[in-house]
Amino acid sequence: MSDYAVSYKLQEHILEWIAGVNGETRYMALSVDKPNANGTFTEVTGTGYARANLYDSISGTHLFPQYTGNSGYLASQRILSFAQATGSNWTQANYWAIMTAVTGGDLLTWNRIYPGVIVPNSEYFTLPVGEVILRCPTQ
């Protein structure tokens, strides 16, 4: 197997592991600030806020598809919706983060939400199809 093929197999493995497409449970958290080097950040607060599961048990679909080809990235294949803000606005979300647990857990990757979003009382926060992209760095 060439170095080129090994590189893409490694990308496939890393992306699928982060995304949890092979059965690992993953959650999307919203963050007020940029996650730091040791994986900590200030999570959004507000009544009704909870991390969103990347797997939708109702439709039986995962946020990300299986990795195919050699693109070096995975893009979300469905809308990701968070619970409804109830009773108050949520603090401003400036980043999303993929986590290994519904609370606590390990930070696997993150990216900026631009512009930042304040979810008003009685509204939902959603990320549209293709909005969440996981990339493997290339040489």
C-alpha atoms as a PDB file:
ATOM      1  CA  MET A   1       0.000   0.000   0.000  1.00  0.00           C
ATOM      2  CA  SER A   2       1.426   3.397  -0.949  1.00  0.00           C
ATOM      3  CA  ASP A   3       2.031   6.219   1.539  1.00  0.00           C
ATOM      4  CA  TYR A   4      -0.752   8.079  -0.262  1.00  0.00           C
ATOM      5  CA  ALA A   5      -3.254   5.259   0.351  1.00  0.00           C
ATOM      6  CA  VAL A   6      -2.175   4.894   3.982  1.00  0.00           C
ATOM      7  CA  SER A   7      -2.647   8.644   4.492  1.00  0.00           C
ATOM      8  CA  TYR A   8      -6.244   8.492   3.228  1.00  0.00           C
ATOM      9  CA  LYS A   9      -7.061   5.377   5.265  1.00  0.00           C
ATOM     10  CA  LEU A  10      -5.783   7.203   8.347  1.00  0.00           C
ATOM     11  CA  GLN A  11      -7.922  10.239   7.471  1.00  0.00           C
ATOM     12  CA  GLU A  12     -10.931   7.966   7.070  1.00  0.00           C
ATOM     13  CA  HIS A  13     -10.332   6.358  10.452  1.00  0.00           C
ATOM     14  CA  ILE A  14      -9.810   9.673  12.266  1.00  0.00           C
ATOM     15  CA  LEU A  15     -12.828  11.380  10.718  1.00  0.00           C
ATOM     16  CA  GLU A  16     -15.172   8.451  11.341  1.00  0.00           C
ATOM     17  CA  TRP A  17     -13.957   8.112  14.945  1.00  0.00           C
ATOM     18  CA  ILE A  18     -14.465  11.819  15.684  1.00  0.00           C
ATOM     19  CA  ALA A  19     -17.875  11.814  13.991  1.00  0.00           C
ATOM     20  CA  GLY A  20     -18.948   8.605  15.730  1.00  0.00           C
ATOM     21  CA  VAL A  21     -20.373   7.062  12.575  1.00  0.00           C
ATOM     22  CA  ASN A  22     -19.324   3.550  13.624  1.00  0.00           C
ATOM     23  CA  GLY A  23     -21.449   3.435  16.764  1.00  0.00           C
ATOM     24  CA  GLU A  24     -19.554   5.712  19.145  1.00  0.00           C
ATOM     25  CA  THR A  25     -21.874   8.210  20.826  1.00  0.00           C
ATOM     26  CA  ARG A  26     -21.009  11.837  20.111  1.00  0.00           C
ATOM     27  CA  TYR A  27     -22.648  15.100  21.153  1.00  0.00           C
ATOM     28  CA  MET A  28     -22.525  18.663  19.862  1.00  0.00           C
ATOM     29  CA  ALA A  29     -21.974  21.321  22.519  1.00  0.00           C
ATOM     30  CA  LEU A  30     -22.244  25.073  22.050  1.00  0.00           C
ATOM     31  CA  SER A  31     -19.528  27.283  23.515  1.00  0.00           C
ATOM     32  CA  VAL A  32     -19.316  30.929  24.460  1.00  0.00           C
ATOM     33  CA  ASP A  33     -15.526  31.040  24.113  1.00  0.00           C
ATOM     34  CA  LYS A  34     -12.852  29.341  22.055  1.00  0.00           C
ATOM     35  CA  PRO A  35     -11.867  25.955  23.526  1.00  0.00           C
ATOM     36  CA  ASN A  36      -8.360  26.067  24.964  1.00  0.00           C
ATOM     37  CA  ALA A  37      -5.476  23.634  24.499  1.00  0.00           C
ATOM     38  CA  ASN A  38      -6.590  21.369  27.354  1.00  0.00           C
ATOM     39  CA  GLY A  39     -10.119  21.032  25.938  1.00  0.00           C
ATOM     40  CA  THR A  40     -12.046  23.288  28.308  1.00  0.00           C
ATOM     41  CA  PHE A  41     -14.491  26.020  27.345  1.00  0.00           C
ATOM     42  CA  THR A  42     -17.493  27.914  28.692  1.00  0.00           C
ATOM     43  CA  GLU A  43     -20.595  26.073  27.587  1.00  0.00           C
ATOM     44  CA  VAL A  44     -23.725  27.995  26.636  1.00  0.00           C
ATOM     45  CA  THR A  45     -26.253  28.378  29.445  1.00  0.00           C
ATOM     46  CA  GLY A  46     -29.992  28.952  29.449  1.00  0.00           C
ATOM     47  CA  THR A  47     -33.136  27.056  30.304  1.00  0.00           C
ATOM     48  CA  GLY A  48     -33.606  24.145  27.926  1.00  0.00           C
ATOM     49  CA  TYR A  49     -30.018  24.029  26.683  1.00  0.00           C
ATOM     50  CA  ALA A  50     -28.567  20.532  26.328  1.00  0.00           C
ATOM     51  CA  ARG A  51     -25.977  19.012  24.027  1.00  0.00           C
ATOM     52  CA  ALA A  52     -27.394  17.538  20.836  1.00  0.00           C
ATOM     53  CA  ASN A  53     -26.791  13.865  20.028  1.00  0.00           C
ATOM     54  CA  LEU A  54     -25.210  13.427  16.597  1.00  0.00           C
ATOM     55  CA  TYR A  55     -27.321  10.309  16.069  1.00  0.00           C
ATOM     56  CA  ASP A  56     -31.058  10.827  15.544  1.00  0.00           C
ATOM     57  CA  SER A  57     -32.762   7.752  16.984  1.00  0.00           C
ATOM     58  CA  ILE A  58     -36.144   8.727  15.492  1.00  0.00           C
ATOM     59  CA  SER A  59     -34.972   8.843  11.873  1.00  0.00           C
ATOM     60  CA  GLY A  60     -32.111   6.393  12.425  1.00  0.00           C
ATOM     61  CA  THR A  61     -29.658   8.763  10.757  1.00  0.00           C
ATOM     62  CA  HIS A  62     -26.316  10.066  11.833  1.00  0.00           C
ATOM     63  CA  LEU A  63     -25.233  13.696  11.367  1.00  0.00           C
ATOM     64  CA  PHE A  64     -22.297  12.557   9.226  1.00  0.00           C
ATOM     65  CA  PRO A  65     -22.163   9.977   6.430  1.00  0.00           C
ATOM     66  CA  GLN A  66     -19.612   7.197   6.218  1.00  0.00           C
ATOM     67  CA  TYR A  67     -16.359   8.531   4.784  1.00  0.00           C
ATOM     68  CA  THR A  68     -15.920   7.741   1.102  1.00  0.00           C
ATOM     69  CA  GLY A  69     -13.325   8.846  -1.361  1.00  0.00           C
ATOM     70  CA  ASN A  70     -10.271  10.831  -0.427  1.00  0.00           C
ATOM     71  CA  SER A  71     -11.629  14.328   0.173  1.00  0.00           C
ATOM     72  CA  GLY A  72     -10.152  14.697   3.657  1.00  0.00           C
ATOM     73  CA  TYR A  73     -13.433  15.918   5.136  1.00  0.00           C
ATOM     74  CA  LEU A  74     -16.947  14.956   6.237  1.00  0.00           C
ATOM     75  CA  ALA A  75     -19.882  17.384   5.924  1.00  0.00           C
ATOM     76  CA  SER A  76     -23.130  17.090   7.879  1.00  0.00           C
ATOM     77  CA  GLN A  77     -25.848  15.303   5.920  1.00  0.00           C
ATOM     78  CA  ARG A  78     -28.885  16.441   7.915  1.00  0.00           C
ATOM     79  CA  ILE A  79     -30.057  19.351  10.050  1.00  0.00           C
ATOM     80  CA  LEU A  80     -28.837  19.249  13.658  1.00  0.00           C
ATOM     81  CA  SER A  81     -31.384  20.730  16.070  1.00  0.00           C
ATOM     82  CA  PHE A  82     -30.900  21.610  19.701  1.00  0.00           C
ATOM     83  CA  ALA A  83     -33.704  21.660  22.273  1.00  0.00           C
ATOM     84  CA  GLN A  84     -35.954  24.702  22.562  1.00  0.00           C
ATOM     85  CA  ALA A  85     -34.828  27.657  24.674  1.00  0.00           C
ATOM     86  CA  THR A  86     -37.467  27.953  27.391  1.00  0.00           C
ATOM     87  CA  GLY A  87     -37.907  30.691  29.973  1.00  0.00           C
ATOM     88  CA  SER A  88     -34.882  32.760  28.928  1.00  0.00           C
ATOM     89  CA  ASN A  89     -32.464  33.457  26.106  1.00  0.00           C
ATOM     90  CA  TRP A  90     -29.332  31.305  25.918  1.00  0.00           C
ATOM     91  CA  THR A  91     -25.937  32.938  26.216  1.00  0.00           C
ATOM     92  CA  GLN A  92     -24.269  33.660  22.885  1.00  0.00           C
ATOM     93  CA  ALA A  93     -22.923  30.615  21.037  1.00  0.00           C
ATOM     94  CA  ASN A  94     -19.673  31.409  19.232  1.00  0.00           C
ATOM     95  CA  TYR A  95     -18.287  27.877  18.740  1.00  0.00           C
ATOM     96  CA  TRP A  96     -19.530  24.311  18.360  1.00  0.00           C
ATOM     97  CA  ALA A  97     -17.650  21.364  19.841  1.00  0.00           C
ATOM     98  CA  ILE A  98     -17.970  17.609  19.362  1.00  0.00           C
ATOM     99  CA  MET A  99     -17.830  15.844  22.713  1.00  0.00           C
ATOM    100  CA  THR A 100     -17.712  12.212  23.875  1.00  0.00           C
ATOM    101  CA  ALA A 101     -20.434  12.610  26.541  1.00  0.00           C
ATOM    102  CA  VAL A 102     -23.735  14.385  27.153  1.00  0.00           C
ATOM    103  CA  THR A 103     -22.066  16.212  30.081  1.00  0.00           C
ATOM    104  CA  GLY A 104     -18.342  16.464  30.705  1.00  0.00           C
ATOM    105  CA  GLY A 105     -16.425  14.116  28.421  1.00  0.00           C
ATOM    106  CA  ASP A 106     -13.561  14.786  26.064  1.00  0.00           C
ATOM    107  CA  LEU A 107     -13.420  17.487  23.408  1.00  0.00           C
ATOM    108  CA  LEU A 108     -12.693  15.915  20.004  1.00  0.00           C
ATOM    109  CA  THR A 109     -12.901  18.920  17.685  1.00  0.00           C
ATOM    110  CA  TRP A 110     -14.468  22.366  17.447  1.00  0.00           C
ATOM    111  CA  ASN A 111     -15.058  25.250  15.072  1.00  0.00           C
ATOM    112  CA  ARG A 112     -16.382  28.790  15.051  1.00  0.00           C
ATOM    113  CA  ILE A 113     -20.013  29.818  14.564  1.00  0.00           C
ATOM    114  CA  TYR A 114     -19.948  33.086  12.676  1.00  0.00           C
ATOM    115  CA  PRO A 115     -21.608  35.293  13.446  1.00  0.00           C
ATOM    116  CA  GLY A 116     -22.260  34.221  17.038  1.00  0.00           C
ATOM    117  CA  VAL A 117     -25.870  33.408  17.881  1.00  0.00           C
ATOM    118  CA  ILE A 118     -28.063  34.170  20.884  1.00  0.00           C
ATOM    119  CA  VAL A 119     -30.991  31.739  20.932  1.00  0.00           C
ATOM    120  CA  PRO A 120     -34.083  33.661  22.078  1.00  0.00           C
ATOM    121  CA  ASN A 121     -36.638  32.242  24.485  1.00  0.00           C
ATOM    122  CA  SER A 122     -38.998  29.764  22.737  1.00  0.00           C
ATOM    123  CA  GLU A 123     -36.692  29.404  19.697  1.00  0.00           C
ATOM    124  CA  TYR A 124     -34.532  26.503  18.487  1.00  0.00           C
ATOM    125  CA  PHE A 125     -30.895  26.534  17.382  1.00  0.00           C
ATOM    126  CA  THR A 126     -30.224  24.512  14.244  1.00  0.00           C
ATOM    127  CA  LEU A 127     -27.222  23.877  12.038  1.00  0.00           C
ATOM    128  CA  PRO A 128     -28.252  23.297   8.408  1.00  0.00           C
ATOM    129  CA  VAL A 129     -27.112  20.494   6.121  1.00  0.00           C
ATOM    130  CA  GLY A 130     -23.453  20.946   5.192  1.00  0.00           C
ATOM    131  CA  GLU A 131     -22.804  23.513   7.940  1.00  0.00           C
ATOM    132  CA  VAL A 132     -20.707  21.243  10.156  1.00  0.00           C
ATOM    133  CA  ILE A 133     -17.537  20.146   8.398  1.00  0.00           C
ATOM    134  CA  LEU A 134     -14.849  17.891   9.867  1.00  0.00           C
ATOM    135  CA  ARG A 135     -11.497  18.164   8.120  1.00  0.00           C
ATOM    136  CA  CYS A 136      -8.247  16.265   8.356  1.00  0.00           C
ATOM    137  CA  PRO A 137      -5.251  18.479   7.804  1.00  0.00           C
ATOM    138  CA  THR A 138      -3.368  17.761   4.633  1.00  0.00           C
ATOM    139  CA  GLN A 139       0.312  18.080   4.100  1.00  0.00           C
END
